[in-house]
Amino acid sequence: MKNYTPYLLTVLATITFTVFLIDSENEIIKLNQDIKIQRDSLNHRIDSLTLEIDTLHWENQIWDHNISHNETHLLSAIIHVESSNNDSAYHKEEDAVGCLQIRQCMVDDVNRILGRQESDKRYTYDDRWIRYKSIEIFEVYCKHYGLTTAEEIARCWNGGPRGMNKDLTAGYWKKVEVIMASN
């Protein structure tokens, strides 16, 4: 009778090695997933910090408009009123998008303004979802229409270039004013 012990040991060793390889591959896959999650988390944090810097940059530029120190958080307050600081906010009925709830007609108006200024820069409707681009759209709009006070900026952002003349924008301004006072 033949001795099958060496063959059985070889088969057992092969099975053990295969199981070890499968476990190792599963562990590698899990580690790669963990790295991806951490990388995504870090990228999100970097994006968040970049957005905060963009917002602060604009708030610092408010001084150029001679707006008082108490009103330096105007943009943050408008973003809070518009979207509760949510870059993914969407108002279906108005197709208002992003942190500043920008509608397509605003993008069209800003692109018209940029064209008159002979700028090559243009915005797409998808840019409304990106905070720093929304802030740029906001800047172009405010500068073009010569909006200088916090109330004027807020009411005209809400009601268009003649927003100061619209009674409906007074309530919007009160909301923004309350947020600014709480900061």
C-alpha atoms as a PDB file:
ATOM      1  CA  MET A   1       0.000   0.000   0.000  1.00  0.00           C
ATOM      2  CA  LYS A   2       1.257   3.455  -0.921  1.00  0.00           C
ATOM      3  CA  ASN A   3       1.961   6.150   1.607  1.00  0.00           C
ATOM      4  CA  TYR A   4      -0.213   9.203   0.771  1.00  0.00           C
ATOM      5  CA  THR A   5       1.052  11.298   3.678  1.00  0.00           C
ATOM      6  CA  PRO A   6       3.357  13.549   1.597  1.00  0.00           C
ATOM      7  CA  TYR A   7       0.535  14.183  -0.873  1.00  0.00           C
ATOM      8  CA  LEU A   8      -1.942  14.978   1.869  1.00  0.00           C
ATOM      9  CA  LEU A   9       0.546  17.331   3.492  1.00  0.00           C
ATOM     10  CA  THR A  10       1.087  19.076   0.157  1.00  0.00           C
ATOM     11  CA  VAL A  11      -2.688  19.444  -0.395  1.00  0.00           C
ATOM     12  CA  LEU A  12      -3.167  20.700   3.172  1.00  0.00           C
ATOM     13  CA  ALA A  13      -0.305  23.174   2.776  1.00  0.00           C
ATOM     14  CA  THR A  14      -1.774  24.390  -0.557  1.00  0.00           C
ATOM     15  CA  ILE A  15      -5.222  24.837   0.983  1.00  0.00           C
ATOM     16  CA  THR A  16      -3.774  26.662   4.007  1.00  0.00           C
ATOM     17  CA  PHE A  17      -1.682  28.914   1.767  1.00  0.00           C
ATOM     18  CA  THR A  18      -4.710  29.669  -0.465  1.00  0.00           C
ATOM     19  CA  VAL A  19      -6.871  30.575   2.539  1.00  0.00           C
ATOM     20  CA  PHE A  20      -4.054  32.792   3.837  1.00  0.00           C
ATOM     21  CA  LEU A  21      -3.806  34.535   0.422  1.00  0.00           C
ATOM     22  CA  ILE A  22      -7.566  35.098   0.269  1.00  0.00           C
ATOM     23  CA  ASP A  23      -7.553  36.561   3.790  1.00  0.00           C
ATOM     24  CA  SER A  24      -4.598  38.763   2.861  1.00  0.00           C
ATOM     25  CA  GLU A  25      -6.324  39.963  -0.301  1.00  0.00           C
ATOM     26  CA  ASN A  26      -9.499  40.735   1.665  1.00  0.00           C
ATOM     27  CA  GLU A  27      -7.446  42.656   4.210  1.00  0.00           C
ATOM     28  CA  ILE A  28      -5.738  44.623   1.410  1.00  0.00           C
ATOM     29  CA  ILE A  29      -9.135  45.453  -0.113  1.00  0.00           C
ATOM     30  CA  LYS A  30     -10.418  46.587   3.289  1.00  0.00           C
ATOM     31  CA  LEU A  31      -7.311  48.730   3.887  1.00  0.00           C
ATOM     32  CA  ASN A  32      -7.649  50.291   0.419  1.00  0.00           C
ATOM     33  CA  GLN A  33     -11.282  51.133   1.191  1.00  0.00           C
ATOM     34  CA  ASP A  34     -10.257  52.673   4.523  1.00  0.00           C
ATOM     35  CA  ILE A  35      -7.590  54.750   2.756  1.00  0.00           C
ATOM     36  CA  LYS A  36     -10.151  55.911   0.187  1.00  0.00           C
ATOM     37  CA  ILE A  37     -12.600  56.900   2.927  1.00  0.00           C
ATOM     38  CA  GLN A  38      -9.871  58.798   4.789  1.00  0.00           C
ATOM     39  CA  ARG A  39      -8.708  60.478   1.563  1.00  0.00           C
ATOM     40  CA  ASP A  40     -12.291  61.481   0.730  1.00  0.00           C
ATOM     41  CA  SER A  41     -12.726  62.795   4.258  1.00  0.00           C
ATOM     42  CA  LEU A  42      -9.510  64.826   4.003  1.00  0.00           C
ATOM     43  CA  ASN A  43     -10.510  66.146   0.566  1.00  0.00           C
ATOM     44  CA  HIS A  44     -13.890  67.140   1.971  1.00  0.00           C
ATOM     45  CA  ARG A  45     -12.173  68.928   4.872  1.00  0.00           C
ATOM     46  CA  ILE A  46      -9.814  70.719   2.468  1.00  0.00           C
ATOM     47  CA  ASP A  47     -12.792  71.716   0.292  1.00  0.00           C
ATOM     48  CA  SER A  48     -14.626  72.974   3.383  1.00  0.00           C
ATOM     49  CA  LEU A  49     -11.620  75.044   4.449  1.00  0.00           C
ATOM     50  CA  THR A  50     -11.280  76.440   0.922  1.00  0.00           C
ATOM     51  CA  LEU A  51     -14.951  77.430   0.983  1.00  0.00           C
ATOM     52  CA  GLU A  52     -14.503  79.116   4.350  1.00  0.00           C
ATOM     53  CA  ILE A  53     -11.483  81.028   3.003  1.00  0.00           C
ATOM     54  CA  ASP A  54     -13.490  82.129  -0.054  1.00  0.00           C
ATOM     55  CA  THR A  55     -16.309  83.348   2.179  1.00  0.00           C
ATOM     56  CA  LEU A  56     -13.894  85.155   4.501  1.00  0.00           C
ATOM     57  CA  HIS A  57     -12.124  86.680   1.493  1.00  0.00           C
ATOM     58  CA  TRP A  58     -15.388  88.171   0.308  1.00  0.00           C
ATOM     59  CA  GLU A  59     -16.273  89.330   3.824  1.00  0.00           C
ATOM     60  CA  ASN A  60     -12.923  91.120   4.050  1.00  0.00           C
ATOM     61  CA  GLN A  61     -13.652  92.853   0.747  1.00  0.00           C
ATOM     62  CA  ILE A  62     -16.824  94.294   2.253  1.00  0.00           C
ATOM     63  CA  TRP A  63     -14.587  96.923   3.844  1.00  0.00           C
ATOM     64  CA  ASP A  64     -14.078  98.293   0.327  1.00  0.00           C
ATOM     65  CA  HIS A  65     -17.792  99.131   0.315  1.00  0.00           C
ATOM     66  CA  ASN A  66     -17.513 101.082   3.592  1.00  0.00           C
ATOM     67  CA  ILE A  67     -19.805  98.666   5.383  1.00  0.00           C
ATOM     68  CA  SER A  68     -19.543  98.834   9.158  1.00  0.00           C
ATOM     69  CA  HIS A  69     -17.768  96.212  11.274  1.00  0.00           C
ATOM     70  CA  ASN A  70     -21.106  94.842  12.530  1.00  0.00           C
ATOM     71  CA  GLU A  71     -22.053  93.953   8.959  1.00  0.00           C
ATOM     72  CA  THR A  72     -18.921  92.052   7.943  1.00  0.00           C
ATOM     73  CA  HIS A  73     -20.736  88.736   8.175  1.00  0.00           C
ATOM     74  CA  LEU A  74     -23.216  89.711   5.490  1.00  0.00           C
ATOM     75  CA  LEU A  75     -22.335  86.993   3.004  1.00  0.00           C
ATOM     76  CA  SER A  76     -22.384  84.308   5.688  1.00  0.00           C
ATOM     77  CA  ALA A  77     -25.770  85.554   6.856  1.00  0.00           C
ATOM     78  CA  ILE A  78     -27.190  85.534   3.322  1.00  0.00           C
ATOM     79  CA  ILE A  79     -25.873  82.007   2.779  1.00  0.00           C
ATOM     80  CA  HIS A  80     -27.454  80.956   6.069  1.00  0.00           C
ATOM     81  CA  VAL A  81     -30.828  82.471   5.140  1.00  0.00           C
ATOM     82  CA  GLU A  82     -30.728  81.097   1.593  1.00  0.00           C
ATOM     83  CA  SER A  83     -29.615  77.528   2.279  1.00  0.00           C
ATOM     84  CA  SER A  84     -28.685  77.013   5.937  1.00  0.00           C
ATOM     85  CA  ASN A  85     -25.088  76.773   4.652  1.00  0.00           C
ATOM     86  CA  ASN A  86     -25.961  73.808   2.440  1.00  0.00           C
ATOM     87  CA  ASP A  87     -24.065  73.748  -0.860  1.00  0.00           C
ATOM     88  CA  SER A  88     -26.446  71.035  -2.094  1.00  0.00           C
ATOM     89  CA  ALA A  89     -29.641  72.980  -1.375  1.00  0.00           C
ATOM     90  CA  TYR A  90     -32.198  72.862  -4.187  1.00  0.00           C
ATOM     91  CA  HIS A  91     -35.547  74.629  -4.475  1.00  0.00           C
ATOM     92  CA  LYS A  92     -37.314  72.751  -7.245  1.00  0.00           C
ATOM     93  CA  GLU A  93     -40.117  75.245  -7.955  1.00  0.00           C
ATOM     94  CA  GLU A  94     -37.661  78.082  -8.617  1.00  0.00           C
ATOM     95  CA  ASP A  95     -34.731  75.963  -9.796  1.00  0.00           C
ATOM     96  CA  ALA A  96     -32.725  77.795  -7.129  1.00  0.00           C
ATOM     97  CA  VAL A  97     -29.471  75.976  -6.512  1.00  0.00           C
ATOM     98  CA  GLY A  98     -26.566  75.891  -4.070  1.00  0.00           C
ATOM     99  CA  CYS A  99     -25.575  77.842  -0.991  1.00  0.00           C
ATOM    100  CA  LEU A 100     -26.823  81.147  -2.418  1.00  0.00           C
ATOM    101  CA  GLN A 101     -29.899  79.648  -4.140  1.00  0.00           C
ATOM    102  CA  ILE A 102     -28.943  81.011  -7.556  1.00  0.00           C
ATOM    103  CA  ARG A 103     -31.486  80.723 -10.345  1.00  0.00           C
ATOM    104  CA  GLN A 104     -30.674  80.324 -14.026  1.00  0.00           C
ATOM    105  CA  CYS A 105     -31.733  83.905 -14.789  1.00  0.00           C
ATOM    106  CA  MET A 106     -29.035  85.127 -12.351  1.00  0.00           C
ATOM    107  CA  VAL A 107     -26.365  83.135 -14.189  1.00  0.00           C
ATOM    108  CA  ASP A 108     -27.653  84.575 -17.480  1.00  0.00           C
ATOM    109  CA  ASP A 109     -27.572  88.124 -16.055  1.00  0.00           C
ATOM    110  CA  VAL A 110     -24.050  87.720 -14.662  1.00  0.00           C
ATOM    111  CA  ASN A 111     -22.821  86.254 -17.965  1.00  0.00           C
ATOM    112  CA  ARG A 112     -24.411  89.247 -19.769  1.00  0.00           C
ATOM    113  CA  ILE A 113     -22.599  91.601 -17.356  1.00  0.00           C
ATOM    114  CA  LEU A 114     -19.294  89.797 -17.916  1.00  0.00           C
ATOM    115  CA  GLY A 115     -19.820  90.035 -21.682  1.00  0.00           C
ATOM    116  CA  ARG A 116     -20.354  93.804 -21.450  1.00  0.00           C
ATOM    117  CA  GLN A 117     -17.177  94.030 -19.365  1.00  0.00           C
ATOM    118  CA  GLU A 118     -15.412  92.160 -22.176  1.00  0.00           C
ATOM    119  CA  SER A 119     -14.424  89.408 -19.775  1.00  0.00           C
ATOM    120  CA  ASP A 120     -13.770  85.908 -21.088  1.00  0.00           C
ATOM    121  CA  LYS A 121     -15.139  84.408 -17.880  1.00  0.00           C
ATOM    122  CA  ARG A 122     -18.577  82.776 -18.036  1.00  0.00           C
ATOM    123  CA  TYR A 123     -20.562  80.658 -15.604  1.00  0.00           C
ATOM    124  CA  THR A 124     -22.607  77.549 -16.261  1.00  0.00           C
ATOM    125  CA  TYR A 125     -25.793  76.542 -14.497  1.00  0.00           C
ATOM    126  CA  ASP A 126     -23.820  73.735 -12.819  1.00  0.00           C
ATOM    127  CA  ASP A 127     -21.465  76.333 -11.281  1.00  0.00           C
ATOM    128  CA  ARG A 128     -24.293  77.253  -8.894  1.00  0.00           C
ATOM    129  CA  TRP A 129     -23.553  74.059  -6.942  1.00  0.00           C
ATOM    130  CA  ILE A 130     -19.948  75.170  -6.239  1.00  0.00           C
ATOM    131  CA  ARG A 131     -19.662  77.599  -3.330  1.00  0.00           C
ATOM    132  CA  TYR A 132     -16.706  79.643  -4.509  1.00  0.00           C
ATOM    133  CA  LYS A 133     -18.271  80.074  -7.958  1.00  0.00           C
ATOM    134  CA  SER A 134     -21.567  81.079  -6.350  1.00  0.00           C
ATOM    135  CA  ILE A 135     -19.659  83.681  -4.345  1.00  0.00           C
ATOM    136  CA  GLU A 136     -17.997  84.938  -7.534  1.00  0.00           C
ATOM    137  CA  ILE A 137     -21.420  85.257  -9.180  1.00  0.00           C
ATOM    138  CA  PHE A 138     -22.592  87.154  -6.086  1.00  0.00           C
ATOM    139  CA  GLU A 139     -19.580  89.505  -6.313  1.00  0.00           C
ATOM    140  CA  VAL A 140     -20.082  90.261 -10.008  1.00  0.00           C
ATOM    141  CA  TYR A 141     -23.767  90.973  -9.382  1.00  0.00           C
ATOM    142  CA  CYS A 142     -23.203  93.258  -6.368  1.00  0.00           C
ATOM    143  CA  LYS A 143     -20.382  95.213  -8.009  1.00  0.00           C
ATOM    144  CA  HIS A 144     -22.223  95.671 -11.295  1.00  0.00           C
ATOM    145  CA  TYR A 145     -25.352  97.038  -9.665  1.00  0.00           C
ATOM    146  CA  GLY A 146     -23.321  99.244  -7.304  1.00  0.00           C
ATOM    147  CA  LEU A 147     -24.757  97.715  -4.152  1.00  0.00           C
ATOM    148  CA  THR A 148     -22.948  99.266  -1.208  1.00  0.00           C
ATOM    149  CA  THR A 149     -24.891  98.802   2.022  1.00  0.00           C
ATOM    150  CA  ALA A 150     -25.664  95.498   3.670  1.00  0.00           C
ATOM    151  CA  GLU A 151     -29.408  96.100   3.370  1.00  0.00           C
ATOM    152  CA  GLU A 152     -29.106  97.034  -0.289  1.00  0.00           C
ATOM    153  CA  ILE A 153     -26.976  93.975  -1.032  1.00  0.00           C
ATOM    154  CA  ALA A 154     -29.351  91.605   0.786  1.00  0.00           C
ATOM    155  CA  ARG A 155     -32.591  93.034  -0.601  1.00  0.00           C
ATOM    156  CA  CYS A 156     -31.301  93.252  -4.169  1.00  0.00           C
ATOM    157  CA  TRP A 157     -29.897  89.736  -3.945  1.00  0.00           C
ATOM    158  CA  ASN A 158     -33.352  88.571  -2.923  1.00  0.00           C
ATOM    159  CA  GLY A 159     -35.466  90.772  -5.203  1.00  0.00           C
ATOM    160  CA  GLY A 160     -33.297  91.701  -8.158  1.00  0.00           C
ATOM    161  CA  PRO A 161     -31.611  94.997  -9.042  1.00  0.00           C
ATOM    162  CA  ARG A 162     -34.664  96.976  -7.862  1.00  0.00           C
ATOM    163  CA  GLY A 163     -35.078  94.900  -4.712  1.00  0.00           C
ATOM    164  CA  MET A 164     -34.808  97.964  -2.466  1.00  0.00           C
ATOM    165  CA  ASN A 165     -38.117  99.186  -3.929  1.00  0.00           C
ATOM    166  CA  LYS A 166     -39.960  95.934  -3.208  1.00  0.00           C
ATOM    167  CA  ASP A 167     -41.821  95.548   0.069  1.00  0.00           C
ATOM    168  CA  LEU A 168     -41.385  91.766  -0.036  1.00  0.00           C
ATOM    169  CA  THR A 169     -37.605  92.060   0.340  1.00  0.00           C
ATOM    170  CA  ALA A 170     -37.915  93.902   3.676  1.00  0.00           C
ATOM    171  CA  GLY A 171     -38.757  90.614   5.437  1.00  0.00           C
ATOM    172  CA  TYR A 172     -35.767  88.944   3.811  1.00  0.00           C
ATOM    173  CA  TRP A 173     -33.530  91.750   5.032  1.00  0.00           C
ATOM    174  CA  LYS A 174     -34.846  91.304   8.585  1.00  0.00           C
ATOM    175  CA  LYS A 175     -33.895  87.607   8.475  1.00  0.00           C
ATOM    176  CA  VAL A 176     -30.371  88.466   7.278  1.00  0.00           C
ATOM    177  CA  GLU A 177     -30.067  91.226   9.875  1.00  0.00           C
ATOM    178  CA  VAL A 178     -31.035  88.820  12.700  1.00  0.00           C
ATOM    179  CA  ILE A 179     -28.370  86.311  11.568  1.00  0.00           C
ATOM    180  CA  MET A 180     -25.724  89.047  11.355  1.00  0.00           C
ATOM    181  CA  ALA A 181     -26.610  90.271  14.846  1.00  0.00           C
ATOM    182  CA  SER A 182     -26.263  86.774  16.267  1.00  0.00           C
ATOM    183  CA  ASN A 183     -22.704  86.342  14.947  1.00  0.00           C
END
